[in-house]
Amino acid sequence: MKAESKRKKVSTTLSMGIAMAMAVLCSLSCSSTQGNPYKNMTMEAFAPFQNEKYKFEFENINQHLKILAKHDNDSTQTDKKTRSLYKSGNRLVWIDRNGIDWRADTLLNYLHTVSEIGFSEDAFFVSQIENDITRMRNLDFEGEGNDINRLTARIEYRLTKAYLRYCTGQQFGFINPYAALNTLDPANDDTAAVVKEYKQLFDIPISRPDNSFYERAIDMARTDSIGSFLRSVQPQDPSLAELTSLLKLAPNKRKWWLLMCNMERHRWRRTFRPEQPTERKIIVNIPSFMLYAFGEDSVMTMKIGCGATKTKTPLLTSEINRMDINPLWNIPMSIVRKDVAAHAGNAHYFASHRYFIVERETGNTMDPQRVTAEMLKSGKYRVSQEGGEGNSLGRIVFRFDNKFSVYLHDTSSRRFFDQSVRSVSHGCIRVERPFDLAKYLLGNDADSWTLDKIRISMDIEPETEKGLRYVSDTTRTRKLTNSKSISPKVPLYIVYQTLFKTPEGKWEEYGDIYGYDRVMRRHLEPFVGKQHRRTK
C-alpha cells in the first residue's frame, strides 16, 4: 500500500512538471501570429522535464512555508494571520499542479496602485513576487534557494501576506486604533516599571476584521472571485477620496504625513447607528477645540474646552439624552485623591467651595472636620459640589451614555474661552454657549416658556412677558426646572481630526494636541517609501 502511494506521488509530481512546461509553451503559441509551432510536438519532447528539479512536492512546499512563517517577525494582525495559516499546514491558495494562474496577476494589478494612496509597493512585496513568478513561468530554478519547492513556497507566502495586508487595510484601515491608541497612557499615575493597565482613549465602534473575514478572503481567492472581492473592499468615503487627491499636491513631508494620518482615520468604518434616524448630529473635534451642531439646513458652531494631555477626552460616539440644570457635581475620585484629600479636616475649604462629603454605604453627610485624607482616598466617601452659581459644571450639563463619566457642560470660568489652547479639563467638554446648545437639542418643538424656564434657572434674562413678570417677583425661586429629556436623542461624535472639513467645505489644519498623529505615523511608516520615513 505504501509503495502504491509512493508511485502515485511520483507520478503526480512528474505530471506537474510536464503540465507547467505545456502551459508555458501554450502561452507562447497563443501569442504568436505565425500559428502554433508546437502543434506536432510529441510527449517525447517533454522528456527533459521529467527531472527532479521540475517536481512539485507538496510536503516539501509545506515544510518551507512553515519555515517562512517561523522566521516572519512582522507584527500586524494580518501578518499574524498569514503565519497561522501556514504554520497549521494550510492548503495552498495561489498555486496548484498547473502552476500560477491569472489570480496572482489580478492581485498584482491592484498592488501596483498602492502608491496612489501613499504606500510603497515594497510593503506588499510586488517586485519580489513578480521576479519569482517570472522564474516559475520560465521554469528557471537555477541558483541557491530557487528550487521549485522553495520558490513555490516563497511565492505562495508572499502573495497571501500581501493580499491580506491590502484587502484588510482597504476594508478596515491599516491601523487598529484600539491597539494603537489604547496603550498610550497608564491607567494609574504610579512609576511602576511594568504598566499593567492603560486608559481607554478610543471607544468609537468601528468594524474590525475577524476570522470570518479572513476565511472569506481566502475562499474568494481560491474560488476565482478575487476580482469582485478586491473591488468590494475599496473604501467609499468621499472625504477619503478628496484627501487622496490632495496627497499628490502635498508641498512637503509634514503636509504629506498630515494627509496620510487623516486619510487613515477616514478608512475606519463606524458601526454606530443612532436609535432614531435624524438629520441632526453634534461633532466635537478635539484638535480644533470646536463643536459643530448640524441641523437640517444650518450648522451652529461654538468653542469647546477638552481634557488635558494627562487626562485626555476619550474619543467616542453616543447620543445626548438629557440635560440637567444647576447640576450637582460628584467629584471624580481622581480629583479627590489628587486635590481635595489634601484639605481634609479644613471646614473652611469645603464651605467656600460648597463641597459636602457623603458616606457611600449609609448616605450620611459627614462633618469635614472629622474626615481624614486617608478616608477620602479610600473610595468609601463621595465628595460633591452643590449646584448653582460657582459650580465647576456651570449652570447646565448635557449627558450621554458612556463608560468614562464624561459629558458636555457649562463652566463658571467664562474667560477660559479666550484662550487659543483649551485642553485643561479632567476629560469632560466645556461648551462656550450652553443655552444655545440646550435650545438646539430641544429642537423646534420647544415653546417659548420652556426656554424661559431654562433661562431663568440659569440666571439668564427671560424673553417672554410671562418670564419677565416671574423674575420681577423677588420672592420666587430661580430654579424652575431641573432636568429635561432629549427626544429624539441627538447623535454625538467626539473625534480627533487634525485635518477637518469645516461646514463651509474647506479643509482646515489643526495642532496634534494629544500626539495621536505621531502614533499613527509610527504605525504607517512600514507601509510607505523610504523618502517619507523619519531620518534617524
Protein backbone atom coordinates (compact mmCIF):
# COMPACT_ATOMS: atom_id res chain seq x y z
CA MET A 1 0.00 0.00 0.00
CA LYS A 2 2.86 2.36 0.89
CA ALA A 3 4.62 1.55 -2.37
CA GLU A 4 1.45 2.27 -4.33
CA SER A 5 1.07 5.60 -2.54
CA LYS A 6 4.68 6.47 -3.35
CA ARG A 7 4.18 5.60 -7.03
CA LYS A 8 1.13 7.88 -7.18
CA LYS A 9 3.11 10.69 -5.57
CA VAL A 10 5.98 10.37 -8.05
CA SER A 11 3.57 10.17 -10.96
CA THR A 12 1.77 13.28 -9.75
CA THR A 13 4.95 15.30 -9.34
CA LEU A 14 6.18 14.30 -12.78
CA SER A 15 2.92 15.35 -14.39
CA MET A 16 3.14 18.73 -12.65
CA GLY A 17 6.47 19.47 -14.27
CA ILE A 18 5.14 18.46 -17.66
CA ALA A 19 1.93 20.44 -17.14
CA MET A 20 3.95 23.53 -16.34
CA ALA A 21 6.04 23.15 -19.45
CA MET A 22 2.93 22.66 -21.57
CA ALA A 23 1.37 25.75 -20.06
CA VAL A 24 4.45 27.81 -20.93
CA LEU A 25 4.52 26.53 -24.50
CA CYS A 26 0.81 27.12 -24.88
CA SER A 27 1.18 30.70 -23.73
CA LEU A 28 3.98 31.20 -26.27
CA SER A 29 1.99 29.69 -29.13
CA CYS A 30 -1.19 31.58 -28.28
CA SER A 31 0.63 34.90 -28.51
CA SER A 32 2.19 34.03 -31.89
CA THR A 33 0.74 35.32 -35.16
CA GLN A 34 2.53 32.57 -37.10
CA GLY A 35 0.27 29.78 -35.87
CA ASN A 36 1.20 27.15 -33.34
CA PRO A 37 4.77 25.93 -33.98
CA TYR A 38 4.33 23.18 -31.38
CA LYS A 39 1.21 21.52 -32.79
CA ASN A 40 3.09 18.39 -33.92
CA MET A 41 5.07 18.06 -30.71
CA THR A 42 5.01 14.60 -29.06
CA MET A 43 5.36 13.61 -25.41
CA GLU A 44 9.00 12.75 -26.02
CA ALA A 45 9.68 16.45 -26.32
CA PHE A 46 8.80 16.81 -22.66
CA ALA A 47 11.29 14.20 -21.53
CA PRO A 48 13.73 16.86 -20.19
CA PHE A 49 11.03 17.99 -17.78
CA GLN A 50 10.83 14.56 -16.20
CA ASN A 51 13.53 15.73 -13.88
CA GLU A 52 13.69 16.18 -10.12
CA LYS A 53 14.06 19.94 -10.42
CA TYR A 54 10.60 20.23 -12.05
CA LYS A 55 8.76 18.22 -9.41
CA PHE A 56 6.24 19.76 -7.06
CA GLU A 57 6.46 18.07 -3.65
CA PHE A 58 3.63 19.43 -1.55
CA GLU A 59 5.05 18.07 1.68
CA ASN A 60 8.31 19.82 0.86
CA ILE A 61 6.47 23.04 -0.03
CA ASN A 62 4.55 22.96 3.25
CA GLN A 63 7.77 22.48 5.19
CA HIS A 64 9.26 25.56 3.52
CA LEU A 65 6.05 27.51 4.26
CA LYS A 66 6.33 26.63 7.93
CA ILE A 67 9.94 27.82 7.94
CA LEU A 68 8.90 31.12 6.33
CA ALA A 69 6.15 31.55 8.93
CA LYS A 70 8.54 30.77 11.76
CA HIS A 71 11.03 33.44 10.67
CA ASP A 72 8.41 36.11 9.83
CA ASN A 73 8.64 38.73 12.60
CA ASP A 74 6.17 41.29 11.20
CA SER A 75 3.61 42.05 13.88
CA THR A 76 0.42 43.38 12.27
CA GLN A 77 -2.76 41.39 12.82
CA THR A 78 -2.86 40.37 9.16
CA ASP A 79 0.76 39.19 9.23
CA LYS A 80 -0.02 37.09 12.29
CA LYS A 81 -2.96 35.60 10.38
CA THR A 82 -0.68 34.70 7.46
CA ARG A 83 1.73 32.97 9.82
CA SER A 84 -1.03 30.98 11.49
CA LEU A 85 -2.38 29.80 8.13
CA TYR A 86 0.89 28.24 7.08
CA LYS A 87 2.05 27.04 10.47
CA SER A 88 -1.05 24.86 10.52
CA GLY A 89 -0.37 23.38 7.06
CA ASN A 90 -2.96 25.45 5.20
CA ARG A 91 -3.93 24.24 1.73
CA LEU A 92 -2.20 26.32 -0.96
CA VAL A 93 -4.18 29.33 -2.14
CA TRP A 94 -2.41 30.55 -5.25
CA ILE A 95 -0.56 27.59 -6.75
CA ASP A 96 -1.84 24.23 -7.93
CA ARG A 97 -0.41 21.44 -10.10
CA ASN A 98 -0.64 23.73 -13.14
CA GLY A 99 1.41 26.48 -11.54
CA ILE A 100 0.19 30.10 -11.17
CA ASP A 101 -2.82 31.49 -12.96
CA TRP A 102 -4.45 34.88 -13.55
CA ARG A 103 -5.49 35.33 -9.90
CA ALA A 104 -1.95 36.38 -8.96
CA ASP A 105 -1.93 38.84 -11.86
CA THR A 106 -5.24 40.33 -10.70
CA LEU A 107 -3.85 40.91 -7.21
CA LEU A 108 -0.64 42.42 -8.59
CA ASN A 109 -2.68 44.85 -10.70
CA TYR A 110 -4.27 46.18 -7.51
CA LEU A 111 -0.95 46.25 -5.66
CA HIS A 112 0.53 48.40 -8.41
CA THR A 113 -1.92 51.17 -7.35
CA VAL A 114 -0.85 51.47 -3.71
CA SER A 115 1.42 54.43 -4.50
CA GLU A 116 -1.77 56.42 -5.22
CA ILE A 117 -2.71 56.15 -1.53
CA GLY A 118 0.79 56.91 -0.30
CA PHE A 119 2.13 53.40 0.19
CA SER A 120 5.16 51.66 -1.24
CA GLU A 121 4.93 48.57 -3.43
CA ASP A 122 7.83 47.20 -1.38
CA ALA A 123 5.49 46.89 1.62
CA PHE A 124 3.48 44.44 -0.49
CA PHE A 125 6.50 42.60 -1.94
CA VAL A 126 5.46 43.44 -5.51
CA SER A 127 8.85 43.22 -7.24
CA GLN A 128 9.87 40.13 -5.25
CA ILE A 129 6.64 38.34 -6.18
CA GLU A 130 6.90 39.36 -9.84
CA ASN A 131 10.53 38.24 -10.07
CA ASP A 132 9.72 34.86 -8.56
CA ILE A 133 6.66 34.39 -10.77
CA THR A 134 8.80 35.12 -13.82
CA ARG A 135 11.23 32.43 -12.66
CA MET A 136 8.37 30.00 -12.17
CA ARG A 137 6.83 30.65 -15.57
CA ASN A 138 10.23 30.43 -17.27
CA LEU A 139 11.00 27.21 -15.38
CA ASP A 140 14.14 28.91 -14.09
CA PHE A 141 15.00 27.03 -10.93
CA GLU A 142 18.73 27.61 -11.02
CA GLY A 143 20.66 29.16 -8.13
CA GLU A 144 20.67 28.64 -4.40
CA GLY A 145 17.23 28.83 -2.80
CA ASN A 146 15.43 28.81 -6.15
CA ASP A 147 14.50 25.16 -6.48
CA ILE A 148 10.87 24.63 -7.47
CA ASN A 149 9.56 23.87 -3.99
CA ARG A 150 11.32 26.75 -2.21
CA LEU A 151 10.26 29.12 -4.97
CA THR A 152 6.67 27.90 -4.80
CA ALA A 153 6.57 28.34 -1.03
CA ARG A 154 8.03 31.85 -1.31
CA ILE A 155 5.50 32.95 -3.93
CA GLU A 156 2.60 31.40 -2.04
CA TYR A 157 3.57 33.01 1.27
CA ARG A 158 4.23 36.50 -0.11
CA LEU A 159 1.06 36.52 -2.22
CA THR A 160 -1.08 35.66 0.80
CA LYS A 161 0.73 38.14 3.05
CA ALA A 162 0.41 40.97 0.51
CA TYR A 163 -3.22 40.06 -0.25
CA LEU A 164 -4.33 40.08 3.39
CA ARG A 165 -2.41 43.29 4.10
CA TYR A 166 -4.08 45.03 1.18
CA CYS A 167 -7.67 43.84 1.45
CA THR A 168 -7.75 44.21 5.25
CA GLY A 169 -6.28 47.71 5.07
CA GLN A 170 -8.72 48.85 2.42
CA GLN A 171 -11.72 47.34 4.20
CA PHE A 172 -10.90 48.33 7.79
CA GLY A 173 -7.85 50.59 7.77
CA PHE A 174 -4.16 49.78 8.03
CA ILE A 175 -4.04 50.71 11.74
CA ASN A 176 -6.09 49.21 14.53
CA PRO A 177 -6.88 52.29 16.66
CA TYR A 178 -7.94 50.17 19.64
CA ALA A 179 -4.43 48.74 19.79
CA ALA A 180 -2.58 51.91 18.78
CA LEU A 181 -4.35 54.46 21.00
CA ASN A 182 -5.42 52.41 24.00
CA THR A 183 -1.87 51.51 25.03
CA LEU A 184 -0.51 55.04 25.45
CA ASP A 185 -1.41 56.38 28.90
CA PRO A 186 -1.05 54.27 32.07
CA ALA A 187 -4.31 53.96 34.00
CA ASN A 188 -2.52 54.84 37.22
CA ASP A 189 -0.01 57.56 37.96
CA ASP A 190 2.43 55.20 39.64
CA THR A 191 6.00 54.78 38.49
CA ALA A 192 5.95 51.00 38.14
CA ALA A 193 8.39 49.69 35.55
CA VAL A 194 5.72 47.43 34.05
CA VAL A 195 2.40 49.05 33.14
CA LYS A 196 -0.41 46.61 33.81
CA GLU A 197 -3.35 48.73 32.69
CA TYR A 198 -3.86 51.60 30.27
CA LYS A 199 -6.52 54.28 29.91
CA GLN A 200 -9.00 53.63 27.14
CA LEU A 201 -8.81 56.65 24.86
CA PHE A 202 -10.53 55.30 21.74
CA ASP A 203 -14.06 53.92 22.11
CA ILE A 204 -15.60 54.66 18.72
CA PRO A 205 -17.33 51.49 17.46
CA ILE A 206 -15.75 50.58 14.14
CA SER A 207 -15.62 47.42 12.04
CA ARG A 208 -12.58 45.21 12.60
CA PRO A 209 -11.51 42.03 10.77
CA ASP A 210 -12.39 38.72 12.37
CA ASN A 211 -11.79 35.09 11.43
CA SER A 212 -14.84 35.04 9.17
CA PHE A 213 -13.41 37.94 7.14
CA TYR A 214 -10.07 36.19 6.66
CA GLU A 215 -11.78 32.91 5.78
CA ARG A 216 -13.94 34.65 3.21
CA ALA A 217 -10.92 36.47 1.75
CA ILE A 218 -9.06 33.18 1.29
CA ASP A 219 -12.14 31.44 -0.12
CA MET A 220 -12.68 34.24 -2.63
CA ALA A 221 -9.08 33.94 -3.80
CA ARG A 222 -9.40 30.17 -4.18
CA THR A 223 -12.75 30.24 -6.00
CA ASP A 224 -11.76 32.63 -8.80
CA SER A 225 -13.71 35.53 -7.21
CA ILE A 226 -10.71 37.59 -6.20
CA GLY A 227 -11.53 40.43 -8.59
CA SER A 228 -15.02 41.03 -7.20
CA PHE A 229 -13.72 40.70 -3.64
CA LEU A 230 -10.95 43.27 -4.15
CA ARG A 231 -13.48 45.66 -5.65
CA SER A 232 -15.80 45.19 -2.68
CA VAL A 233 -13.18 46.16 -0.08
CA GLN A 234 -12.38 49.54 -1.61
CA PRO A 235 -13.33 52.40 0.77
CA GLN A 236 -16.28 54.55 -0.29
CA ASP A 237 -15.86 57.60 1.97
CA PRO A 238 -15.96 60.71 -0.31
CA SER A 239 -13.79 62.62 2.17
CA LEU A 240 -11.09 59.98 1.80
CA ALA A 241 -11.22 60.43 -1.95
CA GLU A 242 -10.73 64.19 -1.53
CA LEU A 243 -7.77 63.73 0.79
CA THR A 244 -6.23 61.18 -1.57
CA SER A 245 -6.35 63.70 -4.41
CA LEU A 246 -4.71 66.32 -2.17
CA LEU A 247 -1.90 63.89 -1.33
CA LYS A 248 -0.47 64.27 -4.83
CA LEU A 249 -0.19 68.05 -4.25
CA ALA A 250 1.40 67.92 -0.77
CA PRO A 251 4.16 70.58 -0.80
CA ASN A 252 6.36 68.97 1.85
CA LYS A 253 6.80 65.89 4.06
CA ARG A 254 4.96 67.43 7.02
CA LYS A 255 1.82 68.13 4.98
CA TRP A 256 2.10 64.71 3.31
CA TRP A 257 2.04 62.98 6.69
CA LEU A 258 -0.82 65.18 7.87
CA LEU A 259 -2.85 63.90 4.92
CA MET A 260 -1.78 60.29 5.43
CA CYS A 261 -2.84 60.24 9.09
CA ASN A 262 -6.24 61.75 8.37
CA MET A 263 -6.79 59.53 5.33
CA GLU A 264 -6.35 56.56 7.64
CA ARG A 265 -8.99 57.92 10.04
CA HIS A 266 -11.44 58.03 7.14
CA ARG A 267 -10.80 54.36 6.37
CA TRP A 268 -12.22 53.36 9.75
CA ARG A 269 -15.85 52.38 9.20
CA ARG A 270 -18.13 53.34 12.09
CA THR A 271 -20.75 50.85 13.17
CA PHE A 272 -22.60 53.26 15.50
CA ARG A 273 -26.17 53.86 14.38
CA PRO A 274 -28.45 56.32 16.21
CA GLU A 275 -31.58 54.78 17.70
CA GLN A 276 -33.71 57.15 15.64
CA PRO A 277 -32.57 58.37 12.21
CA THR A 278 -32.18 62.14 12.27
CA GLU A 279 -30.57 64.87 10.23
CA ARG A 280 -29.28 66.40 13.43
CA LYS A 281 -25.92 65.47 14.92
CA ILE A 282 -23.17 67.01 17.01
CA ILE A 283 -19.50 66.63 16.16
CA VAL A 284 -16.83 67.65 18.64
CA ASN A 285 -13.39 67.79 17.05
CA ILE A 286 -10.77 67.81 19.77
CA PRO A 287 -7.82 69.34 17.82
CA SER A 288 -9.91 72.29 16.59
CA PHE A 289 -11.45 72.91 20.05
CA MET A 290 -14.80 73.28 18.30
CA LEU A 291 -18.31 71.87 18.43
CA TYR A 292 -20.46 71.62 15.30
CA ALA A 293 -24.22 71.15 15.75
CA PHE A 294 -25.76 70.17 12.40
CA GLY A 295 -29.38 70.91 11.62
CA GLU A 296 -31.40 70.20 8.53
CA ASP A 297 -30.19 73.33 6.73
CA SER A 298 -27.74 75.05 9.09
CA VAL A 299 -24.75 74.43 11.33
CA MET A 300 -24.16 76.03 14.73
CA THR A 301 -20.54 76.27 15.86
CA MET A 302 -19.01 77.10 19.23
CA LYS A 303 -15.73 76.84 21.07
CA ILE A 304 -15.09 73.97 23.46
CA GLY A 305 -12.52 73.01 26.06
CA CYS A 306 -11.34 69.43 26.47
CA GLY A 307 -9.14 67.17 28.56
CA ALA A 308 -5.52 68.00 29.25
CA THR A 309 -2.78 65.78 27.82
CA LYS A 310 -2.64 63.76 31.06
CA THR A 311 -6.43 63.47 31.29
CA LYS A 312 -7.39 63.23 27.63
CA THR A 313 -11.00 63.40 26.50
CA PRO A 314 -11.86 59.93 25.16
CA LEU A 315 -12.95 59.56 21.55
CA LEU A 316 -16.44 58.05 21.42
CA THR A 317 -19.89 58.07 19.90
CA SER A 318 -23.16 58.25 21.80
CA GLU A 319 -26.48 60.10 21.90
CA ILE A 320 -27.31 63.08 24.11
CA ASN A 321 -30.40 62.07 26.06
CA ARG A 322 -30.76 64.57 28.91
CA MET A 323 -29.79 67.99 30.21
CA ASP A 324 -29.60 68.87 33.89
CA ILE A 325 -29.86 72.48 35.03
CA ASN A 326 -27.86 73.59 38.09
CA PRO A 327 -26.40 70.12 38.41
CA LEU A 328 -24.75 68.65 41.45
CA TRP A 329 -21.13 67.77 40.71
CA ASN A 330 -19.94 64.44 42.01
CA ILE A 331 -16.21 64.97 42.03
CA PRO A 332 -14.28 62.13 40.32
CA MET A 333 -12.10 60.05 42.63
CA SER A 334 -9.01 61.00 40.64
CA ILE A 335 -9.57 64.66 41.59
CA VAL A 336 -10.49 63.78 45.16
CA ARG A 337 -7.27 61.83 45.64
CA LYS A 338 -5.07 64.36 43.85
CA ASP A 339 -6.52 67.67 45.08
CA VAL A 340 -9.35 67.50 47.59
CA ALA A 341 -7.87 64.98 50.05
CA ALA A 342 -5.05 67.40 50.88
CA HIS A 343 -7.66 69.68 52.50
CA ALA A 344 -9.23 67.01 54.70
CA GLY A 345 -10.30 68.43 58.07
CA ASN A 346 -10.42 72.03 56.73
CA ALA A 347 -14.07 73.05 57.16
CA HIS A 348 -13.49 76.49 55.60
CA TYR A 349 -12.12 74.94 52.39
CA PHE A 350 -15.18 72.70 51.97
CA ALA A 351 -17.63 75.50 52.81
CA SER A 352 -16.02 78.05 50.47
CA HIS A 353 -16.16 75.56 47.58
CA ARG A 354 -19.66 74.41 48.57
CA TYR A 355 -18.37 70.85 48.85
CA PHE A 356 -20.01 68.24 51.07
CA ILE A 357 -19.00 64.68 51.96
CA VAL A 358 -21.32 61.65 51.95
CA GLU A 359 -20.55 58.18 53.22
CA ARG A 360 -21.43 55.89 50.34
CA GLU A 361 -22.64 52.95 52.43
CA THR A 362 -25.03 54.87 54.72
CA GLY A 363 -25.76 58.00 52.70
CA ASN A 364 -24.96 60.14 55.75
CA THR A 365 -23.42 63.58 55.32
CA MET A 366 -20.10 63.84 57.16
CA ASP A 367 -18.56 66.70 59.12
CA PRO A 368 -15.49 67.79 57.08
CA GLN A 369 -13.52 68.33 60.28
CA ARG A 370 -13.89 64.64 61.17
CA VAL A 371 -12.76 63.27 57.82
CA THR A 372 -9.12 62.42 57.16
CA ALA A 373 -7.20 62.30 53.89
CA GLU A 374 -6.96 58.51 54.17
CA MET A 375 -10.76 58.28 54.48
CA LEU A 376 -11.30 60.38 51.36
CA LYS A 377 -8.74 58.37 49.35
CA SER A 378 -10.33 55.07 50.39
CA GLY A 379 -13.24 55.46 47.96
CA LYS A 380 -15.80 54.92 50.73
CA TYR A 381 -16.84 58.59 50.65
CA ARG A 382 -18.25 60.76 47.90
CA VAL A 383 -17.35 64.44 47.65
CA SER A 384 -19.90 66.58 45.80
CA GLN A 385 -20.36 70.25 44.99
CA GLU A 386 -23.76 71.92 45.34
CA GLY A 387 -25.39 73.07 42.12
CA GLY A 388 -25.84 76.69 41.17
CA GLU A 389 -23.56 79.67 40.81
CA GLY A 390 -19.88 78.80 41.10
CA ASN A 391 -20.36 75.10 40.40
CA SER A 392 -17.50 73.70 38.30
CA LEU A 393 -20.02 72.30 35.79
CA GLY A 394 -21.58 75.72 35.38
CA ARG A 395 -25.36 76.01 35.21
CA ILE A 396 -26.15 73.14 32.84
CA VAL A 397 -24.77 69.74 31.84
CA PHE A 398 -25.58 67.61 28.80
CA ARG A 399 -25.50 63.87 29.45
CA PHE A 400 -24.98 60.86 27.20
CA ASP A 401 -24.25 57.21 27.89
CA ASN A 402 -20.54 56.38 28.07
CA LYS A 403 -18.16 54.35 30.24
CA PHE A 404 -15.94 57.30 31.19
CA SER A 405 -18.36 59.52 33.17
CA VAL A 406 -17.70 62.42 30.81
CA TYR A 407 -20.24 64.91 29.49
CA LEU A 408 -20.66 68.32 27.87
CA HIS A 409 -21.19 71.16 30.33
CA ASP A 410 -21.15 74.88 31.07
CA THR A 411 -18.32 76.40 33.09
CA SER A 412 -18.10 79.03 35.80
CA SER A 413 -14.87 80.33 34.20
CA ARG A 414 -16.13 82.16 31.11
CA ARG A 415 -12.74 83.74 30.29
CA PHE A 416 -11.47 80.25 29.60
CA PHE A 417 -12.77 80.51 26.02
CA ASP A 418 -10.47 83.46 25.27
CA GLN A 419 -7.54 81.05 25.29
CA SER A 420 -6.36 79.58 21.97
CA VAL A 421 -5.37 76.24 23.53
CA ARG A 422 -8.19 74.92 25.70
CA SER A 423 -7.04 71.46 26.81
CA VAL A 424 -7.20 71.78 30.59
CA SER A 425 -10.07 69.65 31.91
CA HIS A 426 -10.09 66.21 33.51
CA GLY A 427 -11.80 64.77 30.41
CA CYS A 428 -15.19 66.48 30.19
CA ILE A 429 -16.00 69.01 27.46
CA ARG A 430 -16.83 72.62 28.30
CA VAL A 431 -19.08 74.42 25.82
CA GLU A 432 -18.97 78.12 25.06
CA ARG A 433 -22.71 78.80 24.61
CA PRO A 434 -24.58 76.27 26.73
CA PHE A 435 -28.03 77.83 26.42
CA ASP A 436 -27.78 77.87 22.61
CA LEU A 437 -26.85 74.20 22.75
CA ALA A 438 -29.83 73.48 25.01
CA LYS A 439 -32.14 75.27 22.57
CA TYR A 440 -30.67 73.28 19.66
CA LEU A 441 -31.15 69.96 21.48
CA LEU A 442 -34.79 70.70 22.32
CA GLY A 443 -35.46 71.44 18.67
CA ASN A 444 -38.26 73.44 17.10
CA ASP A 445 -40.87 71.92 19.39
CA ALA A 446 -39.63 73.79 22.49
CA ASP A 447 -42.13 76.54 23.36
CA SER A 448 -41.03 79.98 24.50
CA TRP A 449 -42.00 79.40 28.16
CA THR A 450 -39.95 76.19 28.32
CA LEU A 451 -36.94 78.10 27.04
CA ASP A 452 -37.56 80.93 29.50
CA LYS A 453 -37.75 78.49 32.41
CA ILE A 454 -34.27 77.28 31.44
CA ARG A 455 -33.04 80.87 31.09
CA ILE A 456 -34.40 81.85 34.49
CA SER A 457 -32.91 78.75 36.12
CA MET A 458 -29.53 79.66 34.61
CA ASP A 459 -29.84 83.33 35.69
CA ILE A 460 -30.23 84.50 32.09
CA GLU A 461 -32.66 87.33 31.31
CA PRO A 462 -36.01 85.89 30.13
CA GLU A 463 -37.52 86.96 26.78
CA THR A 464 -41.27 86.47 27.32
CA GLU A 465 -43.69 88.69 29.23
CA LYS A 466 -44.51 85.74 31.49
CA GLY A 467 -40.83 85.27 32.22
CA LEU A 468 -40.25 88.93 32.95
CA ARG A 469 -43.21 89.03 35.36
CA TYR A 470 -41.89 85.92 37.06
CA VAL A 471 -38.40 87.29 37.77
CA SER A 472 -39.80 90.66 38.92
CA ASP A 473 -41.26 88.86 41.93
CA THR A 474 -38.20 88.53 44.18
CA THR A 475 -39.96 86.03 46.44
CA ARG A 476 -39.98 83.37 43.78
CA THR A 477 -37.27 80.74 43.31
CA ARG A 478 -35.00 80.98 40.29
CA LYS A 479 -34.85 77.20 39.84
CA LEU A 480 -37.87 76.48 37.68
CA THR A 481 -36.58 73.33 36.02
CA ASN A 482 -34.00 70.73 36.98
CA SER A 483 -33.89 68.25 34.09
CA LYS A 484 -35.14 67.86 30.54
CA SER A 485 -35.12 64.72 28.43
CA ILE A 486 -33.97 64.99 24.82
CA SER A 487 -36.30 63.21 22.41
CA PRO A 488 -35.36 62.12 19.91
CA LYS A 489 -31.82 61.68 21.20
CA VAL A 490 -29.17 63.58 19.27
CA PRO A 491 -26.12 61.65 17.97
CA LEU A 492 -22.79 62.82 19.36
CA TYR A 493 -19.39 62.14 17.77
CA ILE A 494 -16.24 63.06 19.67
CA VAL A 495 -13.47 62.76 17.10
CA TYR A 496 -9.83 63.62 16.57
CA GLN A 497 -9.04 65.03 13.14
CA THR A 498 -6.05 67.27 12.61
CA LEU A 499 -7.31 67.93 9.09
CA PHE A 500 -11.02 68.67 9.35
CA LYS A 501 -13.56 69.69 6.73
CA THR A 502 -15.44 72.70 8.06
CA PRO A 503 -19.16 73.25 7.40
CA GLU A 504 -18.10 75.66 4.66
CA GLY A 505 -16.43 72.77 2.85
CA LYS A 506 -12.82 73.83 3.46
CA TRP A 507 -10.14 71.54 4.83
CA GLU A 508 -8.53 73.19 7.88
CA GLU A 509 -5.39 72.05 9.68
CA TYR A 510 -5.17 71.87 13.49
CA GLY A 511 -2.47 71.04 16.00
CA ASP A 512 -1.79 67.48 17.14
CA ILE A 513 -2.51 68.31 20.79
CA TYR A 514 -2.57 64.70 22.05
CA GLY A 515 0.22 63.45 19.79
CA TYR A 516 -2.03 60.92 18.06
CA ASP A 517 -0.64 61.79 14.61
CA ARG A 518 2.83 60.82 15.82
CA VAL A 519 1.46 57.47 16.97
CA MET A 520 -0.29 56.88 13.64
CA ARG A 521 2.79 57.84 11.68
CA ARG A 522 4.81 55.25 13.59
CA HIS A 523 2.29 52.55 12.63
CA LEU A 524 2.03 53.67 8.99
CA GLU A 525 5.75 54.08 8.31
CA PRO A 526 6.35 50.38 7.48
CA PHE A 527 3.93 50.80 4.55
CA VAL A 528 5.49 53.93 2.99
CA GLY A 529 8.59 54.53 0.88
CA LYS A 530 11.96 55.39 2.37
CA GLN A 531 11.70 59.00 1.22
CA HIS A 532 8.84 59.62 3.64
CA ARG A 533 10.25 57.84 6.69
CA ARG A 534 11.92 59.54 9.63
CA THR A 535 15.58 60.28 9.26
CA LYS A 536 17.49 58.85 12.20
